Protein backbone atom coordinates (compact mmCIF):
# COMPACT_ATOMS: atom_id res chain seq x y z
CA MET A 1 80.90 114.97 84.81
CA THR A 2 80.84 118.77 84.69
CA ASN A 3 83.77 121.25 84.61
CA THR A 4 83.42 121.87 88.38
CA GLN A 5 83.59 118.18 89.24
CA SER A 6 86.34 117.48 86.93
CA LYS A 7 88.15 120.63 88.71
CA PHE A 8 87.35 119.24 91.93
CA PHE A 9 88.97 115.86 91.29
CA THR A 10 91.85 117.81 89.81
CA THR A 11 92.51 119.58 93.13
CA ILE A 12 91.93 116.60 95.45
CA GLN A 13 94.53 114.43 93.76
CA ASN A 14 96.96 116.44 95.75
CA LEU A 15 95.18 116.48 99.27
CA ARG A 16 97.54 113.53 100.30
CA ASP A 17 100.67 114.83 102.17
CA SER A 18 103.29 113.52 99.80
CA GLY A 19 106.31 115.62 101.04
CA PRO A 20 109.29 114.88 103.46
CA ILE A 21 108.30 113.30 106.83
CA SER A 22 107.79 116.34 109.08
CA SER A 23 106.92 117.31 112.83
CA ARG A 24 104.25 119.87 111.67
CA ASN A 25 101.24 118.16 111.70
CA THR A 26 101.66 115.90 114.52
CA SER A 27 103.11 118.35 117.03
CA LYS A 28 99.71 119.53 118.48
CA GLY A 29 98.00 115.95 118.74
CA ALA A 30 94.61 114.98 117.49
CA LEU A 31 93.00 118.67 118.72
CA ILE A 32 89.63 116.50 118.75
CA GLN A 33 87.54 119.29 120.78
CA GLU A 34 89.31 122.33 119.16
CA THR A 35 88.34 120.82 115.49
CA PHE A 36 84.95 119.93 116.61
CA ASN A 37 84.24 123.17 117.99
CA LEU A 38 85.46 125.15 114.87
CA PHE A 39 83.59 123.02 112.31
CA LYS A 40 80.30 122.91 114.46
CA GLY A 41 80.10 126.59 114.59
CA ILE A 42 80.80 127.22 110.66
CA ASN A 43 78.22 128.33 108.09
CA ALA A 44 77.73 126.95 104.58
CA GLU A 45 79.81 130.32 103.03
CA PHE A 46 82.46 129.88 105.38
CA THR A 47 86.17 130.55 104.22
CA ALA A 48 89.61 129.57 105.67
CA ALA A 49 90.01 133.10 106.61
CA ASP A 50 86.97 133.23 108.49
CA ILE A 51 88.24 130.33 110.69
CA ARG A 52 91.56 131.96 110.94
CA GLN A 53 89.71 135.05 112.40
CA VAL A 54 87.82 133.10 114.93
CA ILE A 55 90.97 131.24 116.28
CA LEU A 56 93.75 134.02 116.30
CA VAL A 57 91.36 137.08 116.72
CA GLU A 58 88.27 136.41 118.12
CA ASN A 59 89.69 133.55 120.28
CA THR A 60 86.56 131.19 120.15
CA LEU A 61 88.97 128.51 121.48
CA ASN A 62 89.59 130.43 124.75
CA LYS A 63 93.40 130.05 124.55
CA SER A 64 95.41 132.61 126.59
CA SER A 65 98.55 132.67 124.51
CA TYR A 66 98.56 133.96 120.75
CA GLU A 67 101.41 131.43 120.08
CA THR A 68 99.37 128.52 120.96
CA ARG A 69 96.31 130.07 119.00
CA ARG A 70 98.73 130.65 115.93
CA LYS A 71 99.91 126.71 116.14
CA ILE A 72 96.25 125.25 116.44
CA TRP A 73 95.35 127.72 113.42
CA ASN A 74 98.53 126.10 111.60
CA ALA A 75 97.76 122.65 112.39
CA ILE A 76 93.90 123.04 111.29
CA LYS A 77 94.45 124.70 108.14
CA HIS A 78 97.00 122.12 107.34
CA ARG A 79 94.95 119.17 108.19
CA TYR A 80 91.62 120.13 107.00
CA LEU A 81 91.68 123.64 104.88
CA THR A 82 94.58 123.36 102.63
CA ILE A 83 93.18 121.33 99.80
CA ALA A 84 89.26 121.48 98.97
CA PRO A 85 88.63 122.96 102.21
CA GLN A 86 85.07 123.28 101.38
CA TRP A 87 84.46 119.69 100.72
CA VAL A 88 86.29 118.79 103.72
CA GLY A 89 84.97 121.43 106.32
CA GLU A 90 81.19 120.88 104.87
CA GLY A 91 81.72 117.15 105.82
CA LEU A 92 83.37 117.86 109.10
CA HIS A 93 80.51 120.34 109.85
CA HIS A 94 77.60 117.91 109.07
CA ALA A 95 79.41 115.29 110.85
CA THR A 96 79.73 117.39 114.14
CA LYS A 97 75.86 117.13 114.33
CA GLN A 98 76.10 113.44 115.53
CA GLY A 99 78.47 114.61 118.48
CA ILE A 100 81.96 114.66 119.21
CA GLN A 101 82.55 111.14 120.09
CA SER A 102 80.29 109.88 116.95
CA VAL A 103 81.66 107.62 114.39
CA ASP A 104 80.85 110.21 111.77
CA PHE A 105 83.11 112.87 113.21
CA LEU A 106 86.08 111.02 114.60
CA SER A 107 86.33 108.81 111.64
CA LEU A 108 86.36 111.54 108.89
CA ALA A 109 88.73 113.90 111.12
CA TYR A 110 90.97 110.58 111.41
CA LEU A 111 90.87 110.12 107.69
CA HIS A 112 91.88 113.53 106.80
CA TYR A 113 94.44 113.88 109.48
CA THR A 114 96.56 110.74 108.48
CA LEU A 115 96.22 111.86 104.79
CA ARG A 116 97.57 114.88 105.58
CA ASP A 117 100.62 113.71 108.09
CA ARG A 118 103.24 111.14 106.11
CA LEU A 119 104.65 110.53 109.74
CA THR A 120 101.33 109.15 111.20
CA PHE A 121 100.55 107.63 107.95
CA GLU A 122 103.52 105.89 107.44
CA LEU A 123 103.12 104.68 111.20
CA VAL A 124 99.73 102.90 110.49
CA MET A 125 100.80 101.57 107.43
CA GLY A 126 103.93 100.09 108.91
CA PRO A 127 104.31 98.69 112.09
CA ILE A 128 100.56 99.17 113.44
CA TRP A 129 99.34 97.25 110.46
CA GLU A 130 102.13 94.87 110.57
CA ARG A 131 101.03 93.85 114.51
CA TRP A 132 97.45 93.94 113.62
CA GLN A 133 98.24 91.14 110.77
CA HIS A 134 99.86 89.04 113.37
CA GLY A 135 97.58 88.98 115.96
CA LYS A 136 99.30 91.42 118.01
CA THR A 137 97.90 94.76 119.43
CA LEU A 138 100.27 96.18 122.04
CA ILE A 139 102.24 99.07 120.07
CA THR A 140 105.01 100.99 122.33
CA ARG A 141 107.01 104.33 121.53
CA ASP A 142 110.07 101.92 121.34
CA GLU A 143 108.74 100.32 118.48
CA GLY A 144 107.51 103.77 116.75
CA LEU A 145 111.15 104.97 117.48
CA MET A 146 112.37 102.02 115.85
CA PHE A 147 110.32 102.46 112.75
CA LEU A 148 111.42 106.35 112.65
CA GLN A 149 114.54 105.29 112.44
CA GLN A 150 114.13 102.90 109.39
CA LEU A 151 112.15 105.78 107.82
CA ALA A 152 115.52 108.16 108.13
CA GLU A 153 117.25 105.59 105.53
CA GLN A 154 115.05 107.28 103.09
CA SER A 155 114.55 110.74 104.77
CA PRO A 156 118.04 111.66 106.07
CA HIS A 157 116.66 114.70 107.60
CA ILE A 158 115.15 112.84 110.64
CA ASN A 159 118.67 111.83 111.58
CA LYS A 160 119.06 115.81 112.44
CA TRP A 161 116.26 115.49 114.77
CA ARG A 162 117.10 115.53 118.58
CA ASP A 163 116.30 112.35 120.52
CA SER A 164 113.64 114.34 122.50
CA THR A 165 111.85 115.59 119.30
CA ARG A 166 111.61 112.22 118.15
CA LYS A 167 110.16 110.47 121.57
CA ARG A 168 107.62 113.49 121.65
CA LEU A 169 106.49 113.31 117.80
CA ILE A 170 106.00 109.21 118.32
CA SER A 171 104.20 109.67 121.95
CA MET A 172 101.92 112.67 120.08
CA SER A 173 101.35 110.39 117.22
CA LEU A 174 100.18 107.28 119.28
CA THR A 175 98.32 109.58 121.52
CA ALA A 176 96.25 111.12 118.62
CA LEU A 177 95.51 107.60 117.19
CA ARG A 178 94.12 106.56 120.55
CA ASP A 179 91.76 110.18 120.35
CA PHE A 180 90.67 109.07 117.00
CA GLY A 181 89.87 105.54 118.00
CA LEU A 182 92.58 103.44 116.15
CA LEU A 183 94.64 102.51 119.62
CA LYS A 184 93.26 102.30 123.24
CA GLY A 185 94.76 102.56 126.51
CA VAL A 186 96.69 105.31 128.32
CA GLN A 187 100.10 104.07 129.42
CA LYS A 188 99.99 101.02 127.03
CA LYS A 189 98.25 101.54 124.13
CA HIS A 190 96.74 98.59 122.00
CA ILE A 191 95.50 98.56 118.55
CA GLN A 192 91.83 98.32 117.91
CA GLN A 193 89.97 98.42 114.54
CA PRO A 194 87.93 101.88 114.94
CA ALA A 195 84.26 102.28 113.58
CA ILE A 196 84.03 103.88 110.11
CA ALA A 197 81.22 105.96 109.04
CA ASN A 198 79.84 105.50 105.20
CA GLU A 199 80.87 109.39 104.42
CA THR A 200 84.29 108.47 105.66
CA VAL A 201 84.58 105.50 103.16
CA TYR A 202 83.27 107.93 100.48
CA HIS A 203 85.83 110.35 101.00
CA LEU A 204 88.38 108.04 101.00
CA ILE A 205 86.88 106.51 97.54
CA CYS A 206 87.16 110.19 96.18
CA VAL A 207 90.66 110.50 96.92
CA LEU A 208 91.80 107.29 95.17
CA LEU A 209 89.70 108.11 92.34
CA ALA A 210 91.18 111.53 92.08
CA GLU A 211 94.58 109.92 92.24
CA GLY A 212 93.77 107.66 89.32
CA LYS A 213 92.96 104.58 90.60
CA GLN A 214 90.27 102.49 89.06
CA GLY A 215 88.46 99.10 89.44
CA ARG A 216 90.35 96.40 91.51
CA ALA A 217 93.10 98.88 92.18
CA ILE A 218 90.59 100.89 94.60
CA LEU A 219 89.70 97.62 96.46
CA GLN A 220 93.09 96.80 97.02
CA ALA A 221 94.51 100.16 97.93
CA PRO A 222 96.58 100.00 100.95
CA ASP A 223 95.02 103.07 102.21
CA TRP A 224 92.07 100.78 103.72
CA ARG A 225 94.72 99.56 106.16
CA LEU A 226 93.97 102.85 108.13
CA PHE A 227 90.77 101.33 109.11
CA LEU A 228 92.53 97.77 109.70
CA TRP A 229 90.34 96.78 106.88
CA SER A 230 91.05 93.18 104.70
CA GLU A 231 89.69 93.22 101.16
CA VAL A 232 86.63 91.57 102.34
CA GLU A 233 85.73 94.49 104.41
CA VAL A 234 86.48 96.87 101.81
CA ASN A 235 84.22 94.73 99.68
CA ASN A 236 81.19 94.65 102.17
CA ALA A 237 81.54 98.61 102.58
CA LEU A 238 81.57 99.33 98.93
CA GLY A 239 78.37 96.90 98.64
CA LYS A 240 77.07 99.04 101.65
CA LEU A 241 77.40 102.48 99.63
CA ALA A 242 76.10 100.72 96.52
CA GLN A 243 72.84 99.98 98.14
CA GLN A 244 72.51 103.62 99.08
CA ASP A 245 72.87 104.53 95.60
CA TRP A 246 76.28 106.21 96.22
CA LEU A 247 78.08 104.45 93.40
CA ASN A 248 77.80 101.56 91.27
CA TYR A 249 79.46 98.43 92.06
CA GLU A 250 80.17 95.24 90.83
CA ARG A 251 82.82 92.38 91.23
CA VAL A 252 82.94 89.46 89.18
CA GLY A 253 86.07 87.29 89.64
CA GLU A 254 89.09 89.53 89.21
CA THR A 255 87.10 92.12 87.44
CA VAL A 256 86.09 95.19 89.45
CA MET A 257 83.54 98.00 88.06
CA LEU A 258 83.28 101.10 90.37
CA GLN A 259 81.34 104.36 89.25
CA LEU A 260 80.20 107.29 91.63
CA THR A 261 76.58 108.00 91.26
CA ARG A 262 76.59 110.54 94.34
CA LEU A 263 78.95 113.19 93.19
CA PRO A 264 80.93 115.21 95.54
CA VAL A 265 80.17 118.59 93.95
CA SER A 266 77.05 120.13 91.95
CA GLU A 267 76.96 122.02 88.95
CA ASP A 268 76.14 125.24 91.04
CA SER A 269 78.73 124.52 93.78
CA SER A 270 81.93 126.36 94.14
CA HIS A 271 84.38 124.32 95.78
CA GLU A 272 87.52 126.35 95.32
């Protein structure tokens, strides 16, 4: 591994939002159309400042209110441009070539959205996963609010939020998960297993490796619940990436060996 690659993995070990539960990321919803339009139009030399310019000044998204543009910029920056922006941004840019409703784009945008928003991440890890495991698919706002109250036991600041704020955030989270494909329905939302692209699986593996997980710990990482995957489904996905020569993967009994053969950055890349 080169110095550039080592630096890259050191950077993305901080990609996950591990801070206090916040309303910051969830408040604007999934922003599917806006995210697609922005990353479709970037070039190989883009910077976060470039995207800020096209949102706030050039108004590429055609939002009449500066405050609306500012909130969209803050949301997209936090989700996709704060940690390893070139890696995340280039991944999304290539995914847009398959279309806004493609598995490639939606699943990659979904992964980074949830990794960067603890509220939505915990919602999937908690009540959504639990209901899926018990063969129940209906998930309601009230169940989300009950779970949010449970989170308040470890995060007392949540108790200071107004009821209207809590209801809005849970509703926005559920709607965003619907837009990304994890849920379906308008008034009543039901859980469904989303389609996941190989590139999205690869991105999650890179994050888990950067966080120090190896071998069986990667296979059993709870993060795969974001895809509603069992260990068998994770095993199958890793096998597919091995067939594409993206990684070496062997599993013998309880022993798991996994090593990337396709590295996320090259010697002459600059993923700052």
